[in-house]
C-alpha atoms as a PDB file:
ATOM      1  CA  MET A   1    -133.630 206.716 142.170  1.00  0.00           C
ATOM      2  CA  ARG A   2    -131.342 208.871 144.249  1.00  0.00           C
ATOM      3  CA  VAL A   3    -128.045 209.544 142.493  1.00  0.00           C
ATOM      4  CA  THR A   4    -125.117 209.477 144.862  1.00  0.00           C
ATOM      5  CA  TRP A   5    -121.613 210.622 144.052  1.00  0.00           C
ATOM      6  CA  ARG A   6    -120.495 206.981 143.884  1.00  0.00           C
ATOM      7  CA  ASN A   7    -123.319 206.054 141.457  1.00  0.00           C
ATOM      8  CA  PHE A   8    -122.552 209.128 139.358  1.00  0.00           C
ATOM      9  CA  VAL A   9    -118.893 208.127 139.036  1.00  0.00           C
ATOM     10  CA  ILE A  10    -119.784 204.519 138.156  1.00  0.00           C
ATOM     11  CA  LEU A  11    -122.312 205.581 135.513  1.00  0.00           C
ATOM     12  CA  THR A  12    -119.921 208.143 134.047  1.00  0.00           C
ATOM     13  CA  MET A  13    -117.084 205.602 133.803  1.00  0.00           C
ATOM     14  CA  ALA A  14    -119.423 203.058 132.226  1.00  0.00           C
ATOM     15  CA  GLY A  15    -120.527 205.663 129.685  1.00  0.00           C
ATOM     16  CA  ILE A  16    -116.951 206.531 128.846  1.00  0.00           C
ATOM     17  CA  GLY A  17    -116.036 202.846 128.563  1.00  0.00           C
ATOM     18  CA  VAL A  18    -118.905 202.157 126.199  1.00  0.00           C
ATOM     19  CA  GLY A  19    -117.582 204.740 123.749  1.00  0.00           C
ATOM     20  CA  CYS A  20    -113.893 203.856 123.962  1.00  0.00           C
ATOM     21  CA  THR A  21    -111.892 201.737 121.570  1.00  0.00           C
ATOM     22  CA  TRP A  22    -109.307 199.749 123.487  1.00  0.00           C
ATOM     23  CA  VAL A  23    -107.602 197.901 120.635  1.00  0.00           C
ATOM     24  CA  LYS A  24    -104.829 199.675 118.751  1.00  0.00           C
ATOM     25  CA  SER A  25    -103.768 198.569 115.285  1.00  0.00           C
ATOM     26  CA  THR A  26    -100.419 198.640 113.504  1.00  0.00           C
ATOM     27  CA  PRO A  27     -99.587 199.536 109.889  1.00  0.00           C
ATOM     28  CA  SER A  28     -99.000 195.829 109.111  1.00  0.00           C
ATOM     29  CA  ALA A  29    -102.381 194.859 110.562  1.00  0.00           C
ATOM     30  CA  ASP A  30    -104.092 197.683 108.676  1.00  0.00           C
ATOM     31  CA  ALA A  31    -102.843 196.095 105.437  1.00  0.00           C
ATOM     32  CA  VAL A  32    -104.676 192.804 106.129  1.00  0.00           C
ATOM     33  CA  ARG A  33    -107.885 192.705 104.078  1.00  0.00           C
ATOM     34  CA  ILE A  34    -111.203 191.179 105.128  1.00  0.00           C
ATOM     35  CA  VAL A  35    -112.983 189.856 102.045  1.00  0.00           C
ATOM     36  CA  PRO A  36    -115.859 187.525 101.075  1.00  0.00           C
ATOM     37  CA  ALA A  37    -115.015 183.840 100.565  1.00  0.00           C
ATOM     38  CA  ASP A  38    -115.279 184.109  96.770  1.00  0.00           C
ATOM     39  CA  ARG A  39    -112.277 186.470  96.697  1.00  0.00           C
ATOM     40  CA  VAL A  40    -109.660 183.949  97.938  1.00  0.00           C
ATOM     41  CA  ALA A  41    -109.647 181.409  95.069  1.00  0.00           C
ATOM     42  CA  ASP A  42    -105.954 182.030  94.308  1.00  0.00           C
ATOM     43  CA  CYS A  43    -104.859 182.168  97.954  1.00  0.00           C
ATOM     44  CA  VAL A  44    -103.259 179.675 100.329  1.00  0.00           C
ATOM     45  CA  ARG A  45    -105.045 178.981 103.608  1.00  0.00           C
ATOM     46  CA  VAL A  46    -102.629 179.406 106.527  1.00  0.00           C
ATOM     47  CA  GLY A  47    -104.950 178.857 109.495  1.00  0.00           C
ATOM     48  CA  THR A  48    -107.671 180.442 111.571  1.00  0.00           C
ATOM     49  CA  VAL A  49    -107.684 183.469 113.816  1.00  0.00           C
ATOM     50  CA  SER A  50    -110.262 184.982 116.101  1.00  0.00           C
ATOM     51  CA  GLY A  51    -110.994 188.170 117.881  1.00  0.00           C
ATOM     52  CA  PHE A  52    -112.788 188.723 121.167  1.00  0.00           C
ATOM     53  CA  THR A  53    -113.628 191.911 123.017  1.00  0.00           C
ATOM     54  CA  LYS A  54    -116.171 192.944 125.620  1.00  0.00           C
ATOM     55  CA  ALA A  55    -119.595 193.530 124.115  1.00  0.00           C
ATOM     56  CA  ASP A  56    -120.742 195.398 127.221  1.00  0.00           C
ATOM     57  CA  VAL A  57    -119.222 197.421 130.035  1.00  0.00           C
ATOM     58  CA  ALA A  58    -120.817 197.365 133.480  1.00  0.00           C
ATOM     59  CA  GLY A  59    -123.977 195.914 131.935  1.00  0.00           C
ATOM     60  CA  VAL A  60    -124.210 198.605 129.255  1.00  0.00           C
ATOM     61  CA  ASP A  61    -124.016 197.344 125.653  1.00  0.00           C
ATOM     62  CA  ARG A  62    -121.210 198.816 123.575  1.00  0.00           C
ATOM     63  CA  SER A  63    -121.718 199.992 120.020  1.00  0.00           C
ATOM     64  CA  VAL A  64    -121.887 197.009 117.654  1.00  0.00           C
ATOM     65  CA  ALA A  65    -119.734 198.922 115.161  1.00  0.00           C
ATOM     66  CA  LYS A  66    -117.007 199.514 117.783  1.00  0.00           C
ATOM     67  CA  VAL A  67    -117.087 195.887 118.922  1.00  0.00           C
ATOM     68  CA  GLN A  68    -116.902 194.685 115.290  1.00  0.00           C
ATOM     69  CA  SER A  69    -114.010 197.042 114.581  1.00  0.00           C
ATOM     70  CA  GLU A  70    -112.057 195.842 117.629  1.00  0.00           C
ATOM     71  CA  VAL A  71    -112.653 192.167 116.821  1.00  0.00           C
ATOM     72  CA  GLU A  72    -111.461 192.715 113.249  1.00  0.00           C
ATOM     73  CA  THR A  73    -108.386 194.599 114.461  1.00  0.00           C
ATOM     74  CA  LEU A  74    -107.499 191.774 116.853  1.00  0.00           C
ATOM     75  CA  ALA A  75    -107.916 189.228 114.048  1.00  0.00           C
ATOM     76  CA  ARG A  76    -105.756 191.338 111.716  1.00  0.00           C
ATOM     77  CA  LEU A  77    -103.020 191.581 114.367  1.00  0.00           C
ATOM     78  CA  GLU A  78    -103.079 187.800 114.761  1.00  0.00           C
ATOM     79  CA  ALA A  79    -103.031 187.339 110.960  1.00  0.00           C
ATOM     80  CA  VAL A  80     -99.827 189.383 110.713  1.00  0.00           C
ATOM     81  CA  ASP A  81     -98.149 186.931 113.127  1.00  0.00           C
ATOM     82  CA  MET A  82     -99.157 184.088 110.753  1.00  0.00           C
ATOM     83  CA  ASP A  83     -97.854 185.942 107.668  1.00  0.00           C
ATOM     84  CA  ALA A  84    -101.425 186.120 106.329  1.00  0.00           C
ATOM     85  CA  ASP A  85    -102.646 189.108 104.355  1.00  0.00           C
ATOM     86  CA  THR A  86    -106.332 188.276 103.907  1.00  0.00           C
ATOM     87  CA  LEU A  87    -109.160 187.163 106.209  1.00  0.00           C
ATOM     88  CA  VAL A  88    -112.586 185.645 105.539  1.00  0.00           C
ATOM     89  CA  ALA A  89    -115.173 185.638 108.328  1.00  0.00           C
ATOM     90  CA  LYS A  90    -116.244 182.118 109.356  1.00  0.00           C
ATOM     91  CA  GLY A  91    -119.466 183.405 110.847  1.00  0.00           C
ATOM     92  CA  ALA A  92    -121.165 186.414 112.339  1.00  0.00           C
ATOM     93  CA  LEU A  93    -120.073 188.445 115.331  1.00  0.00           C
ATOM     94  CA  GLU A  94    -121.613 186.905 118.468  1.00  0.00           C
ATOM     95  CA  GLU A  95    -121.211 188.347 121.953  1.00  0.00           C
ATOM     96  CA  GLY A  96    -117.991 190.123 121.011  1.00  0.00           C
ATOM     97  CA  ARG A  97    -116.411 187.072 119.368  1.00  0.00           C
ATOM     98  CA  GLN A  98    -115.769 186.203 115.705  1.00  0.00           C
ATOM     99  CA  ALA A  99    -113.564 183.675 113.900  1.00  0.00           C
ATOM    100  CA  PHE A 100    -111.821 184.168 110.565  1.00  0.00           C
ATOM    101  CA  ILE A 101    -109.935 181.968 108.089  1.00  0.00           C
ATOM    102  CA  ALA A 102    -106.502 183.411 107.347  1.00  0.00           C
ATOM    103  CA  TYR A 103    -105.011 183.345 103.845  1.00  0.00           C
ATOM    104  CA  ARG A 104    -101.820 184.373 102.089  1.00  0.00           C
ATOM    105  CA  CYS A 105    -102.757 185.625  98.657  1.00  0.00           C
ATOM    106  CA  LEU A 106    -100.194 185.603  95.858  1.00  0.00           C
END
């Protein structure tokens, strides 16, 4: 395959995009915990939240750890808006998407 300047730029940008984290947290969101379901017995359910981010950039898969981190950050940010302080995953991360149950623990 002949690498042209245009292809080089596209591949470089895709490589940079694969490694980048686009979601920025806040101190309030950082305080929201993600715990197993057995840790919310004394908590009040306040709703559900979800996170979604791109699992690939220009056809190149992103790091699962980065995608998981971004999805959790997005869910934490949404939980803050609901006055929730704890999240429990409803299922596994699939194609950059995951849902969580939001709780306020006393």
